[in-house]
């Protein structure tokens, strides 16, 4: 068995597809009226599902999981810090060094936590 991705429940699929297309720098490979699938070049997948269309229905609370993206350099981390702010993401953690490397965290319009890291371990 292989874990290859996650599902985020979203209030507005079109708004979320626009945001995540920008963040991942690619469009979804599949999209319907209530669902979108992104697959990265290394095979990881992120699914967006319109929350009021989820079967079985859910009233799940967002923010308990982080979507983590990775960059190779501190310069790229700094560049993305500014870029992500321009996408109207809400910063909740500035760039700082933690035990695993440099990182920052922002929240999207649905309350999902998005972390960017440059690993040093």
PDB file of N, CA and C in Angstrom:
ATOM      1  N   UNK A   1       0.833  -1.171   0.000  1.00  0.00           N
ATOM      2  CA  UNK A   1       0.000   0.000   0.000  1.00  0.00           C
ATOM      3  C   UNK A   1       0.883   1.242   0.000  1.00  0.00           C
ATOM      4  N   UNK A   2       0.524   2.248  -0.813  1.00  0.00           N
ATOM      5  CA  UNK A   2       1.318   3.459  -0.932  1.00  0.00           C
ATOM      6  C   UNK A   2       0.436   4.673  -0.661  1.00  0.00           C
ATOM      7  N   UNK A   3       0.864   5.519   0.254  1.00  0.00           N
ATOM      8  CA  UNK A   3       0.184   6.780   0.498  1.00  0.00           C
ATOM      9  C   UNK A   3       0.651   7.765  -0.564  1.00  0.00           C
ATOM     10  N   UNK A   4      -0.296   8.306  -1.340  1.00  0.00           N
ATOM     11  CA  UNK A   4       0.134   9.202  -2.410  1.00  0.00           C
ATOM     12  C   UNK A   4      -0.535  10.551  -2.402  1.00  0.00           C
ATOM     13  N   UNK A   5      -1.349  10.881  -1.397  1.00  0.00           N
ATOM     14  CA  UNK A   5      -1.942  12.202  -1.425  1.00  0.00           C
ATOM     15  C   UNK A   5      -3.010  12.416  -0.385  1.00  0.00           C
ATOM     16  N   UNK A   6      -3.628  13.602  -0.503  1.00  0.00           N
ATOM     17  CA  UNK A   6      -4.609  14.051   0.469  1.00  0.00           C
ATOM     18  C   UNK A   6      -5.777  14.720  -0.225  1.00  0.00           C
ATOM     19  N   UNK A   7      -6.888  14.860   0.515  1.00  0.00           N
ATOM     20  CA  UNK A   7      -8.068  15.587   0.042  1.00  0.00           C
ATOM     21  C   UNK A   7      -8.283  16.771   0.968  1.00  0.00           C
ATOM     22  N   UNK A   8      -8.476  17.945   0.376  1.00  0.00           N
ATOM     23  CA  UNK A   8      -8.877  19.116   1.140  1.00  0.00           C
ATOM     24  C   UNK A   8     -10.309  19.448   0.764  1.00  0.00           C
ATOM     25  N   UNK A   9     -11.164  19.624   1.755  1.00  0.00           N
ATOM     26  CA  UNK A   9     -12.530  20.057   1.502  1.00  0.00           C
ATOM     27  C   UNK A   9     -12.515  21.574   1.395  1.00  0.00           C
ATOM     28  N   UNK A  10     -13.155  22.107   0.354  1.00  0.00           N
ATOM     29  CA  UNK A  10     -13.081  23.536   0.073  1.00  0.00           C
ATOM     30  C   UNK A  10     -14.480  24.124  -0.111  1.00  0.00           C
ATOM     31  N   UNK A  11     -14.637  25.393   0.237  1.00  0.00           N
ATOM     32  CA  UNK A  11     -15.925  26.069   0.101  1.00  0.00           C
ATOM     33  C   UNK A  11     -16.206  26.456  -1.348  1.00  0.00           C
ATOM     34  N   UNK A  12     -15.175  26.863  -2.078  1.00  0.00           N
ATOM     35  CA  UNK A  12     -15.318  27.264  -3.478  1.00  0.00           C
ATOM     36  C   UNK A  12     -14.265  26.558  -4.305  1.00  0.00           C
ATOM     37  N   UNK A  13     -14.678  25.561  -5.071  1.00  0.00           N
ATOM     38  CA  UNK A  13     -13.719  24.799  -5.867  1.00  0.00           C
ATOM     39  C   UNK A  13     -12.985  25.712  -6.846  1.00  0.00           C
ATOM     40  N   UNK A  14     -13.690  26.593  -7.525  1.00  0.00           N
ATOM     41  CA  UNK A  14     -13.027  27.437  -8.527  1.00  0.00           C
ATOM     42  C   UNK A  14     -11.980  28.338  -7.883  1.00  0.00           C
ATOM     43  N   UNK A  15     -12.282  28.918  -6.740  1.00  0.00           N
ATOM     44  CA  UNK A  15     -11.313  29.771  -6.039  1.00  0.00           C
ATOM     45  C   UNK A  15     -10.102  28.959  -5.585  1.00  0.00           C
ATOM     46  N   UNK A  16     -10.345  27.760  -5.075  1.00  0.00           N
ATOM     47  CA  UNK A  16      -9.255  26.907  -4.601  1.00  0.00           C
ATOM     48  C   UNK A  16      -8.408  26.376  -5.751  1.00  0.00           C
ATOM     49  N   UNK A  17      -9.029  26.033  -6.877  1.00  0.00           N
ATOM     50  CA  UNK A  17      -8.263  25.578  -8.046  1.00  0.00           C
ATOM     51  C   UNK A  17      -7.340  26.694  -8.521  1.00  0.00           C
ATOM     52  N   UNK A  18      -7.837  27.915  -8.539  1.00  0.00           N
ATOM     53  CA  UNK A  18      -6.997  29.046  -8.944  1.00  0.00           C
ATOM     54  C   UNK A  18      -5.799  29.189  -8.004  1.00  0.00           C
ATOM     55  N   UNK A  19      -6.047  29.143  -6.696  1.00  0.00           N
ATOM     56  CA  UNK A  19      -4.976  29.281  -5.716  1.00  0.00           C
ATOM     57  C   UNK A  19      -3.955  28.153  -5.829  1.00  0.00           C
ATOM     58  N   UNK A  20      -4.419  26.907  -5.816  1.00  0.00           N
ATOM     59  CA  UNK A  20      -3.493  25.783  -5.805  1.00  0.00           C
ATOM     60  C   UNK A  20      -2.785  25.610  -7.157  1.00  0.00           C
ATOM     61  N   UNK A  21      -3.388  26.055  -8.236  1.00  0.00           N
ATOM     62  CA  UNK A  21      -2.685  26.076  -9.532  1.00  0.00           C
ATOM     63  C   UNK A  21      -1.488  27.021  -9.450  1.00  0.00           C
ATOM     64  N   UNK A  22      -1.668  28.154  -8.782  1.00  0.00           N
ATOM     65  CA  UNK A  22      -0.571  29.100  -8.577  1.00  0.00           C
ATOM     66  C   UNK A  22       0.487  28.523  -7.654  1.00  0.00           C
ATOM     67  N   UNK A  23       0.068  27.965  -6.520  1.00  0.00           N
ATOM     68  CA  UNK A  23       1.025  27.422  -5.549  1.00  0.00           C
ATOM     69  C   UNK A  23       1.843  26.284  -6.133  1.00  0.00           C
ATOM     70  N   UNK A  24       1.172  25.369  -6.827  1.00  0.00           N
ATOM     71  CA  UNK A  24       1.848  24.188  -7.368  1.00  0.00           C
ATOM     72  C   UNK A  24       2.452  24.442  -8.736  1.00  0.00           C
ATOM     73  N   UNK A  25       2.173  25.619  -9.296  1.00  0.00           N
ATOM     74  CA  UNK A  25       2.683  26.030 -10.608  1.00  0.00           C
ATOM     75  C   UNK A  25       2.303  25.037 -11.699  1.00  0.00           C
ATOM     76  N   UNK A  26       1.051  24.576 -11.631  1.00  0.00           N
ATOM     77  CA  UNK A  26       0.514  23.665 -12.635  1.00  0.00           C
ATOM     78  C   UNK A  26      -1.001  23.594 -12.474  1.00  0.00           C
ATOM     79  N   UNK A  27      -1.729  23.306 -13.541  1.00  0.00           N
ATOM     80  CA  UNK A  27      -3.174  23.142 -13.431  1.00  0.00           C
ATOM     81  C   UNK A  27      -3.517  21.736 -12.930  1.00  0.00           C
ATOM     82  N   UNK A  28      -4.752  21.529 -12.500  1.00  0.00           N
ATOM     83  CA  UNK A  28      -5.152  20.162 -12.132  1.00  0.00           C
ATOM     84  C   UNK A  28      -5.139  19.273 -13.372  1.00  0.00           C
ATOM     85  N   UNK A  29      -4.863  17.984 -13.171  1.00  0.00           N
ATOM     86  CA  UNK A  29      -4.883  17.066 -14.321  1.00  0.00           C
ATOM     87  C   UNK A  29      -6.295  16.586 -14.619  1.00  0.00           C
ATOM     88  N   UNK A  30      -7.185  16.682 -13.619  1.00  0.00           N
ATOM     89  CA  UNK A  30      -8.607  16.361 -13.801  1.00  0.00           C
ATOM     90  C   UNK A  30      -9.423  17.335 -12.970  1.00  0.00           C
ATOM     91  N   UNK A  31     -10.582  17.700 -13.525  1.00  0.00           N
ATOM     92  CA  UNK A  31     -11.463  18.591 -12.786  1.00  0.00           C
ATOM     93  C   UNK A  31     -12.897  18.387 -13.238  1.00  0.00           C
ATOM     94  N   UNK A  32     -13.808  18.379 -12.266  1.00  0.00           N
ATOM     95  CA  UNK A  32     -15.244  18.332 -12.537  1.00  0.00           C
ATOM     96  C   UNK A  32     -15.877  19.528 -11.833  1.00  0.00           C
ATOM     97  N   UNK A  33     -17.188  19.547 -11.734  1.00  0.00           N
ATOM     98  CA  UNK A  33     -17.870  20.653 -11.064  1.00  0.00           C
ATOM     99  C   UNK A  33     -17.598  20.711  -9.564  1.00  0.00           C
ATOM    100  N   UNK A  34     -17.232  19.557  -8.967  1.00  0.00           N
ATOM    101  CA  UNK A  34     -17.062  19.541  -7.515  1.00  0.00           C
ATOM    102  C   UNK A  34     -15.748  18.927  -7.041  1.00  0.00           C
ATOM    103  N   UNK A  35     -14.824  18.639  -7.967  1.00  0.00           N
ATOM    104  CA  UNK A  35     -13.604  17.921  -7.603  1.00  0.00           C
ATOM    105  C   UNK A  35     -12.474  18.302  -8.542  1.00  0.00           C
ATOM    106  N   UNK A  36     -11.249  18.409  -7.996  1.00  0.00           N
ATOM    107  CA  UNK A  36     -10.064  18.652  -8.822  1.00  0.00           C
ATOM    108  C   UNK A  36      -8.910  17.805  -8.290  1.00  0.00           C
ATOM    109  N   UNK A  37      -8.080  17.331  -9.205  1.00  0.00           N
ATOM    110  CA  UNK A  37      -6.934  16.492  -8.860  1.00  0.00           C
ATOM    111  C   UNK A  37      -5.665  17.104  -9.428  1.00  0.00           C
ATOM    112  N   UNK A  38      -4.712  17.354  -8.525  1.00  0.00           N
ATOM    113  CA  UNK A  38      -3.371  17.792  -8.906  1.00  0.00           C
ATOM    114  C   UNK A  38      -2.421  16.635  -8.658  1.00  0.00           C
ATOM    115  N   UNK A  39      -1.505  16.385  -9.579  1.00  0.00           N
ATOM    116  CA  UNK A  39      -0.462  15.378  -9.382  1.00  0.00           C
ATOM    117  C   UNK A  39       0.874  16.035  -9.697  1.00  0.00           C
ATOM    118  N   UNK A  40       1.780  15.989  -8.725  1.00  0.00           N
ATOM    119  CA  UNK A  40       3.094  16.600  -8.907  1.00  0.00           C
ATOM    120  C   UNK A  40       3.975  15.692  -9.760  1.00  0.00           C
ATOM    121  N   UNK A  41       5.083  16.227 -10.278  1.00  0.00           N
ATOM    122  CA  UNK A  41       5.981  15.402 -11.086  1.00  0.00           C
ATOM    123  C   UNK A  41       6.509  14.160 -10.369  1.00  0.00           C
ATOM    124  N   UNK A  42       6.585  14.198  -9.017  1.00  0.00           N
ATOM    125  CA  UNK A  42       7.072  13.014  -8.297  1.00  0.00           C
ATOM    126  C   UNK A  42       5.943  12.073  -7.873  1.00  0.00           C
ATOM    127  N   UNK A  43       4.716  12.325  -8.361  1.00  0.00           N
ATOM    128  CA  UNK A  43       3.618  11.398  -8.131  1.00  0.00           C
ATOM    129  C   UNK A  43       2.735  11.681  -6.926  1.00  0.00           C
ATOM    130  N   UNK A  44       3.042  12.687  -6.143  1.00  0.00           N
ATOM    131  CA  UNK A  44       2.188  13.054  -5.013  1.00  0.00           C
ATOM    132  C   UNK A  44       0.916  13.692  -5.558  1.00  0.00           C
ATOM    133  N   UNK A  45      -0.185  13.494  -4.868  1.00  0.00           N
ATOM    134  CA  UNK A  45      -1.426  14.086  -5.363  1.00  0.00           C
ATOM    135  C   UNK A  45      -2.123  14.885  -4.270  1.00  0.00           C
ATOM    136  N   UNK A  46      -2.819  15.911  -4.728  1.00  0.00           N
ATOM    137  CA  UNK A  46      -3.647  16.738  -3.868  1.00  0.00           C
ATOM    138  C   UNK A  46      -5.002  16.840  -4.539  1.00  0.00           C
ATOM    139  N   UNK A  47      -6.037  16.503  -3.779  1.00  0.00           N
ATOM    140  CA  UNK A  47      -7.400  16.550  -4.303  1.00  0.00           C
ATOM    141  C   UNK A  47      -8.158  17.647  -3.583  1.00  0.00           C
ATOM    142  N   UNK A  48      -8.939  18.407  -4.325  1.00  0.00           N
ATOM    143  CA  UNK A  48      -9.815  19.423  -3.764  1.00  0.00           C
ATOM    144  C   UNK A  48     -11.241  18.973  -4.013  1.00  0.00           C
ATOM    145  N   UNK A  49     -12.057  18.976  -2.970  1.00  0.00           N
ATOM    146  CA  UNK A  49     -13.438  18.510  -3.094  1.00  0.00           C
ATOM    147  C   UNK A  49     -14.353  19.560  -2.494  1.00  0.00           C
ATOM    148  N   UNK A  50     -15.329  19.970  -3.263  1.00  0.00           N
ATOM    149  CA  UNK A  50     -16.320  20.950  -2.809  1.00  0.00           C
ATOM    150  C   UNK A  50     -17.005  20.390  -1.566  1.00  0.00           C
ATOM    151  N   UNK A  51     -16.869  21.073  -0.423  1.00  0.00           N
ATOM    152  CA  UNK A  51     -17.304  20.504   0.854  1.00  0.00           C
ATOM    153  C   UNK A  51     -18.788  20.148   0.879  1.00  0.00           C
ATOM    154  N   UNK A  52     -19.646  20.940   0.255  1.00  0.00           N
ATOM    155  CA  UNK A  52     -21.077  20.627   0.302  1.00  0.00           C
ATOM    156  C   UNK A  52     -21.466  19.493  -0.642  1.00  0.00           C
ATOM    157  N   UNK A  53     -20.492  18.927  -1.369  1.00  0.00           N
ATOM    158  CA  UNK A  53     -20.740  17.801  -2.276  1.00  0.00           C
ATOM    159  C   UNK A  53     -20.059  16.508  -1.821  1.00  0.00           C
ATOM    160  N   UNK A  54     -19.338  16.555  -0.692  1.00  0.00           N
ATOM    161  CA  UNK A  54     -18.613  15.382  -0.200  1.00  0.00           C
ATOM    162  C   UNK A  54     -19.597  14.294   0.191  1.00  0.00           C
ATOM    163  N   UNK A  55     -19.293  13.053  -0.217  1.00  0.00           N
ATOM    164  CA  UNK A  55     -20.122  11.887   0.103  1.00  0.00           C
ATOM    165  C   UNK A  55     -19.239  10.850   0.785  1.00  0.00           C
ATOM    166  N   UNK A  56     -19.566  10.399   1.990  1.00  0.00           N
ATOM    167  CA  UNK A  56     -20.639  10.875   2.844  1.00  0.00           C
ATOM    168  C   UNK A  56     -20.331  12.295   3.326  1.00  0.00           C
ATOM    169  N   UNK A  57     -21.380  13.032   3.669  1.00  0.00           N
ATOM    170  CA  UNK A  57     -21.220  14.433   4.052  1.00  0.00           C
ATOM    171  C   UNK A  57     -20.327  14.556   5.283  1.00  0.00           C
ATOM    172  N   UNK A  58     -19.727  15.727   5.407  1.00  0.00           N
ATOM    173  CA  UNK A  58     -18.835  15.987   6.524  1.00  0.00           C
ATOM    174  C   UNK A  58     -19.029  17.401   7.021  1.00  0.00           C
ATOM    175  N   UNK A  59     -18.771  17.572   8.277  1.00  0.00           N
ATOM    176  CA  UNK A  59     -18.723  18.918   8.839  1.00  0.00           C
ATOM    177  C   UNK A  59     -17.359  19.122   9.480  1.00  0.00           C
ATOM    178  N   UNK A  60     -16.356  18.459   8.891  1.00  0.00           N
ATOM    179  CA  UNK A  60     -14.998  18.486   9.415  1.00  0.00           C
ATOM    180  C   UNK A  60     -14.459  19.891   9.600  1.00  0.00           C
ATOM    181  N   UNK A  61     -13.636  20.038  10.606  1.00  0.00           N
ATOM    182  CA  UNK A  61     -12.997  21.310  10.905  1.00  0.00           C
ATOM    183  C   UNK A  61     -11.651  21.348  10.206  1.00  0.00           C
ATOM    184  N   UNK A  62     -11.353  22.458   9.546  1.00  0.00           N
ATOM    185  CA  UNK A  62     -10.076  22.585   8.855  1.00  0.00           C
ATOM    186  C   UNK A  62      -9.004  23.098   9.807  1.00  0.00           C
ATOM    187  N   UNK A  63      -7.761  22.971   9.378  1.00  0.00           N
ATOM    188  CA  UNK A  63      -6.652  23.495  10.154  1.00  0.00           C
ATOM    189  C   UNK A  63      -5.918  22.467  10.976  1.00  0.00           C
ATOM    190  N   UNK A  64      -6.393  21.247  11.023  1.00  0.00           N
ATOM    191  CA  UNK A  64      -5.735  20.205  11.805  1.00  0.00           C
ATOM    192  C   UNK A  64      -4.665  19.458  11.035  1.00  0.00           C
ATOM    193  N   UNK A  65      -4.516  19.789   9.764  1.00  0.00           N
ATOM    194  CA  UNK A  65      -3.530  19.142   8.888  1.00  0.00           C
ATOM    195  C   UNK A  65      -2.817  20.233   8.113  1.00  0.00           C
ATOM    196  N   UNK A  66      -1.547  20.028   7.822  1.00  0.00           N
ATOM    197  CA  UNK A  66      -0.805  20.978   6.998  1.00  0.00           C
ATOM    198  C   UNK A  66      -0.475  20.367   5.650  1.00  0.00           C
ATOM    199  N   UNK A  67      -0.576  21.173   4.616  1.00  0.00           N
ATOM    200  CA  UNK A  67      -0.047  20.811   3.305  1.00  0.00           C
ATOM    201  C   UNK A  67       1.372  21.345   3.299  1.00  0.00           C
ATOM    202  N   UNK A  68       2.341  20.469   3.054  1.00  0.00           N
ATOM    203  CA  UNK A  68       3.745  20.859   3.119  1.00  0.00           C
ATOM    204  C   UNK A  68       4.348  20.811   1.723  1.00  0.00           C
ATOM    205  N   UNK A  69       4.965  21.915   1.353  1.00  0.00           N
ATOM    206  CA  UNK A  69       5.690  22.021   0.088  1.00  0.00           C
ATOM    207  C   UNK A  69       7.156  22.270   0.415  1.00  0.00           C
ATOM    208  N   UNK A  70       8.034  21.922  -0.509  1.00  0.00           N
ATOM    209  CA  UNK A  70       9.467  21.947  -0.249  1.00  0.00           C
ATOM    210  C   UNK A  70      10.191  22.734  -1.323  1.00  0.00           C
ATOM    211  N   UNK A  71      11.189  23.501  -0.926  1.00  0.00           N
ATOM    212  CA  UNK A  71      12.110  24.157  -1.860  1.00  0.00           C
ATOM    213  C   UNK A  71      13.525  23.776  -1.468  1.00  0.00           C
ATOM    214  N   UNK A  72      14.454  23.969  -2.405  1.00  0.00           N
ATOM    215  CA  UNK A  72      15.836  23.547  -2.177  1.00  0.00           C
ATOM    216  C   UNK A  72      16.736  24.614  -1.584  1.00  0.00           C
ATOM    217  N   UNK A  73      16.345  25.900  -1.695  1.00  0.00           N
ATOM    218  CA  UNK A  73      17.257  26.946  -1.241  1.00  0.00           C
ATOM    219  C   UNK A  73      16.544  27.977  -0.373  1.00  0.00           C
ATOM    220  N   UNK A  74      17.332  28.657   0.435  1.00  0.00           N
ATOM    221  CA  UNK A  74      16.807  29.730   1.265  1.00  0.00           C
ATOM    222  C   UNK A  74      16.350  30.898   0.394  1.00  0.00           C
ATOM    223  N   UNK A  75      17.042  31.150  -0.710  1.00  0.00           N
ATOM    224  CA  UNK A  75      16.615  32.207  -1.640  1.00  0.00           C
ATOM    225  C   UNK A  75      15.214  31.923  -2.173  1.00  0.00           C
ATOM    226  N   UNK A  76      14.965  30.665  -2.542  1.00  0.00           N
ATOM    227  CA  UNK A  76      13.637  30.298  -3.050  1.00  0.00           C
ATOM    228  C   UNK A  76      12.582  30.421  -1.953  1.00  0.00           C
ATOM    229  N   UNK A  77      12.925  30.053  -0.738  1.00  0.00           N
ATOM    230  CA  UNK A  77      11.994  30.195   0.385  1.00  0.00           C
ATOM    231  C   UNK A  77      11.612  31.669   0.564  1.00  0.00           C
ATOM    232  N   UNK A  78      12.594  32.558   0.520  1.00  0.00           N
ATOM    233  CA  UNK A  78      12.334  33.989   0.654  1.00  0.00           C
ATOM    234  C   UNK A  78      11.495  34.514  -0.500  1.00  0.00           C
ATOM    235  N   UNK A  79      11.774  34.060  -1.705  1.00  0.00           N
ATOM    236  CA  UNK A  79      10.992  34.465  -2.880  1.00  0.00           C
ATOM    237  C   UNK A  79       9.539  34.022  -2.730  1.00  0.00           C
ATOM    238  N   UNK A  80       9.337  32.783  -2.298  1.00  0.00           N
ATOM    239  CA  UNK A  80       7.983  32.254  -2.145  1.00  0.00           C
ATOM    240  C   UNK A  80       7.234  32.943  -1.004  1.00  0.00           C
ATOM    241  N   UNK A  81       7.945  33.362   0.034  1.00  0.00           N
ATOM    242  CA  UNK A  81       7.313  34.106   1.133  1.00  0.00           C
ATOM    243  C   UNK A  81       6.577  35.327   0.568  1.00  0.00           C
ATOM    244  N   UNK A  82       7.246  36.076  -0.274  1.00  0.00           N
ATOM    245  CA  UNK A  82       6.634  37.263  -0.879  1.00  0.00           C
ATOM    246  C   UNK A  82       5.535  36.875  -1.864  1.00  0.00           C
ATOM    247  N   UNK A  83       5.790  35.840  -2.664  1.00  0.00           N
ATOM    248  CA  UNK A  83       4.805  35.394  -3.657  1.00  0.00           C
ATOM    249  C   UNK A  83       3.520  34.936  -2.990  1.00  0.00           C
ATOM    250  N   UNK A  84       3.640  34.134  -1.937  1.00  0.00           N
ATOM    251  CA  UNK A  84       2.456  33.608  -1.262  1.00  0.00           C
ATOM    252  C   UNK A  84       1.628  34.737  -0.644  1.00  0.00           C
ATOM    253  N   UNK A  85       2.297  35.749  -0.122  1.00  0.00           N
ATOM    254  CA  UNK A  85       1.546  36.885   0.418  1.00  0.00           C
ATOM    255  C   UNK A  85       0.764  37.589  -0.692  1.00  0.00           C
ATOM    256  N   UNK A  86       1.321  37.651  -1.891  1.00  0.00           N
ATOM    257  CA  UNK A  86       0.629  38.288  -3.013  1.00  0.00           C
ATOM    258  C   UNK A  86      -0.596  37.486  -3.455  1.00  0.00           C
ATOM    259  N   UNK A  87      -0.671  36.220  -3.043  1.00  0.00           N
ATOM    260  CA  UNK A  87      -1.820  35.366  -3.360  1.00  0.00           C
ATOM    261  C   UNK A  87      -2.906  35.457  -2.288  1.00  0.00           C
ATOM    262  N   UNK A  88      -2.786  36.418  -1.402  1.00  0.00           N
ATOM    263  CA  UNK A  88      -3.749  36.658  -0.320  1.00  0.00           C
ATOM    264  C   UNK A  88      -3.812  35.523   0.692  1.00  0.00           C
ATOM    265  N   UNK A  89      -2.694  34.848   0.881  1.00  0.00           N
ATOM    266  CA  UNK A  89      -2.609  33.870   1.962  1.00  0.00           C
ATOM    267  C   UNK A  89      -2.258  34.620   3.237  1.00  0.00           C
ATOM    268  N   UNK A  90      -2.790  34.145   4.358  1.00  0.00           N
ATOM    269  CA  UNK A  90      -2.574  34.813   5.642  1.00  0.00           C
ATOM    270  C   UNK A  90      -1.370  34.202   6.352  1.00  0.00           C
ATOM    271  N   UNK A  91      -0.305  34.982   6.562  1.00  0.00           N
ATOM    272  CA  UNK A  91       0.856  34.452   7.290  1.00  0.00           C
ATOM    273  C   UNK A  91       0.510  34.209   8.757  1.00  0.00           C
ATOM    274  N   UNK A  92       0.881  33.042   9.263  1.00  0.00           N
ATOM    275  CA  UNK A  92       0.717  32.773  10.699  1.00  0.00           C
ATOM    276  C   UNK A  92       2.050  32.432  11.354  1.00  0.00           C
ATOM    277  N   UNK A  93       3.085  32.220  10.529  1.00  0.00           N
ATOM    278  CA  UNK A  93       4.432  31.964  11.045  1.00  0.00           C
ATOM    279  C   UNK A  93       5.412  32.586  10.058  1.00  0.00           C
ATOM    280  N   UNK A  94       6.212  33.557  10.500  1.00  0.00           N
ATOM    281  CA  UNK A  94       7.209  34.133   9.604  1.00  0.00           C
ATOM    282  C   UNK A  94       8.318  33.126   9.321  1.00  0.00           C
ATOM    283  N   UNK A  95       9.181  33.470   8.399  1.00  0.00           N
ATOM    284  CA  UNK A  95      10.325  32.594   8.127  1.00  0.00           C
ATOM    285  C   UNK A  95      11.158  32.491   9.396  1.00  0.00           C
ATOM    286  N   UNK A  96      11.397  31.239   9.794  1.00  0.00           N
ATOM    287  CA  UNK A  96      12.253  30.986  10.945  1.00  0.00           C
ATOM    288  C   UNK A  96      12.906  29.628  10.806  1.00  0.00           C
ATOM    289  N   UNK A  97      13.955  29.424  11.599  1.00  0.00           N
ATOM    290  CA  UNK A  97      14.672  28.155  11.578  1.00  0.00           C
ATOM    291  C   UNK A  97      14.163  27.283  12.711  1.00  0.00           C
ATOM    292  N   UNK A  98      13.711  26.083  12.347  1.00  0.00           N
ATOM    293  CA  UNK A  98      13.273  25.092  13.330  1.00  0.00           C
ATOM    294  C   UNK A  98      14.220  23.901  13.252  1.00  0.00           C
ATOM    295  N   UNK A  99      13.953  22.866  13.990  1.00  0.00           N
ATOM    296  CA  UNK A  99      14.873  21.727  14.065  1.00  0.00           C
ATOM    297  C   UNK A  99      15.077  21.029  12.729  1.00  0.00           C
ATOM    298  N   UNK A 100      14.141  21.150  11.789  1.00  0.00           N
ATOM    299  CA  UNK A 100      14.245  20.464  10.499  1.00  0.00           C
ATOM    300  C   UNK A 100      14.689  21.380   9.363  1.00  0.00           C
ATOM    301  N   UNK A 101      14.768  22.699   9.610  1.00  0.00           N
ATOM    302  CA  UNK A 101      15.200  23.632   8.583  1.00  0.00           C
ATOM    303  C   UNK A 101      14.428  24.935   8.644  1.00  0.00           C
ATOM    304  N   UNK A 102      14.575  25.746   7.598  1.00  0.00           N
ATOM    305  CA  UNK A 102      13.860  27.017   7.526  1.00  0.00           C
ATOM    306  C   UNK A 102      12.453  26.768   7.012  1.00  0.00           C
ATOM    307  N   UNK A 103      11.499  27.560   7.530  1.00  0.00           N
ATOM    308  CA  UNK A 103      10.109  27.316   7.189  1.00  0.00           C
ATOM    309  C   UNK A 103       9.273  28.560   7.418  1.00  0.00           C
ATOM    310  N   UNK A 104       8.108  28.591   6.807  1.00  0.00           N
ATOM    311  CA  UNK A 104       7.050  29.530   7.164  1.00  0.00           C
ATOM    312  C   UNK A 104       5.722  28.844   6.941  1.00  0.00           C
ATOM    313  N   UNK A 105       4.655  29.405   7.544  1.00  0.00           N
ATOM    314  CA  UNK A 105       3.327  28.823   7.430  1.00  0.00           C
ATOM    315  C   UNK A 105       2.310  29.921   7.157  1.00  0.00           C
ATOM    316  N   UNK A 106       1.370  29.627   6.245  1.00  0.00           N
ATOM    317  CA  UNK A 106       0.283  30.541   5.930  1.00  0.00           C
ATOM    318  C   UNK A 106      -1.024  29.750   5.892  1.00  0.00           C
ATOM    319  N   UNK A 107      -2.137  30.479   5.872  1.00  0.00           N
ATOM    320  CA  UNK A 107      -3.459  29.859   5.838  1.00  0.00           C
ATOM    321  C   UNK A 107      -4.174  30.305   4.567  1.00  0.00           C
ATOM    322  N   UNK A 108      -4.827  29.343   3.904  1.00  0.00           N
ATOM    323  CA  UNK A 108      -5.601  29.694   2.708  1.00  0.00           C
ATOM    324  C   UNK A 108      -6.999  30.178   3.100  1.00  0.00           C
ATOM    325  N   UNK A 109      -7.812  30.528   2.116  1.00  0.00           N
ATOM    326  CA  UNK A 109      -9.137  31.095   2.364  1.00  0.00           C
ATOM    327  C   UNK A 109     -10.118  30.109   3.007  1.00  0.00           C
ATOM    328  N   UNK A 110      -9.796  28.816   3.018  1.00  0.00           N
ATOM    329  CA  UNK A 110     -10.629  27.826   3.697  1.00  0.00           C
ATOM    330  C   UNK A 110     -10.113  27.501   5.094  1.00  0.00           C
ATOM    331  N   UNK A 111      -8.987  28.078   5.489  1.00  0.00           N
ATOM    332  CA  UNK A 111      -8.405  27.807   6.798  1.00  0.00           C
ATOM    333  C   UNK A 111      -7.378  26.688   6.805  1.00  0.00           C
ATOM    334  N   UNK A 112      -7.025  26.145   5.627  1.00  0.00           N
ATOM    335  CA  UNK A 112      -6.012  25.090   5.548  1.00  0.00           C
ATOM    336  C   UNK A 112      -4.623  25.688   5.765  1.00  0.00           C
ATOM    337  N   UNK A 113      -3.820  24.984   6.552  1.00  0.00           N
ATOM    338  CA  UNK A 113      -2.447  25.422   6.827  1.00  0.00           C
ATOM    339  C   UNK A 113      -1.535  24.965   5.704  1.00  0.00           C
ATOM    340  N   UNK A 114      -0.733  25.900   5.187  1.00  0.00           N
ATOM    341  CA  UNK A 114       0.222  25.620   4.116  1.00  0.00           C
ATOM    342  C   UNK A 114       1.610  25.966   4.619  1.00  0.00           C
ATOM    343  N   UNK A 115       2.496  24.982   4.606  1.00  0.00           N
ATOM    344  CA  UNK A 115       3.863  25.181   5.102  1.00  0.00           C
ATOM    345  C   UNK A 115       4.846  25.002   3.949  1.00  0.00           C
ATOM    346  N   UNK A 116       5.801  25.903   3.873  1.00  0.00           N
ATOM    347  CA  UNK A 116       6.905  25.754   2.931  1.00  0.00           C
ATOM    348  C   UNK A 116       8.172  25.556   3.732  1.00  0.00           C
ATOM    349  N   UNK A 117       8.978  24.570   3.329  1.00  0.00           N
ATOM    350  CA  UNK A 117      10.203  24.266   4.090  1.00  0.00           C
ATOM    351  C   UNK A 117      11.403  24.131   3.153  1.00  0.00           C
ATOM    352  N   UNK A 118      12.549  24.423   3.725  1.00  0.00           N
ATOM    353  CA  UNK A 118      13.844  24.063   3.133  1.00  0.00           C
ATOM    354  C   UNK A 118      14.504  23.200   4.181  1.00  0.00           C
ATOM    355  N   UNK A 119      14.534  21.904   3.915  1.00  0.00           N
ATOM    356  CA  UNK A 119      15.055  20.955   4.891  1.00  0.00           C
ATOM    357  C   UNK A 119      16.551  21.118   5.087  1.00  0.00           C
ATOM    358  N   UNK A 120      16.986  20.955   6.339  1.00  0.00           N
ATOM    359  CA  UNK A 120      18.427  20.974   6.635  1.00  0.00           C
ATOM    360  C   UNK A 120      18.861  19.702   7.342  1.00  0.00           C
ATOM    361  N   UNK A 121      17.919  18.769   7.514  1.00  0.00           N
ATOM    362  CA  UNK A 121      18.260  17.492   8.164  1.00  0.00           C
ATOM    363  C   UNK A 121      18.139  16.361   7.172  1.00  0.00           C
TER     364      UNK A 121
END
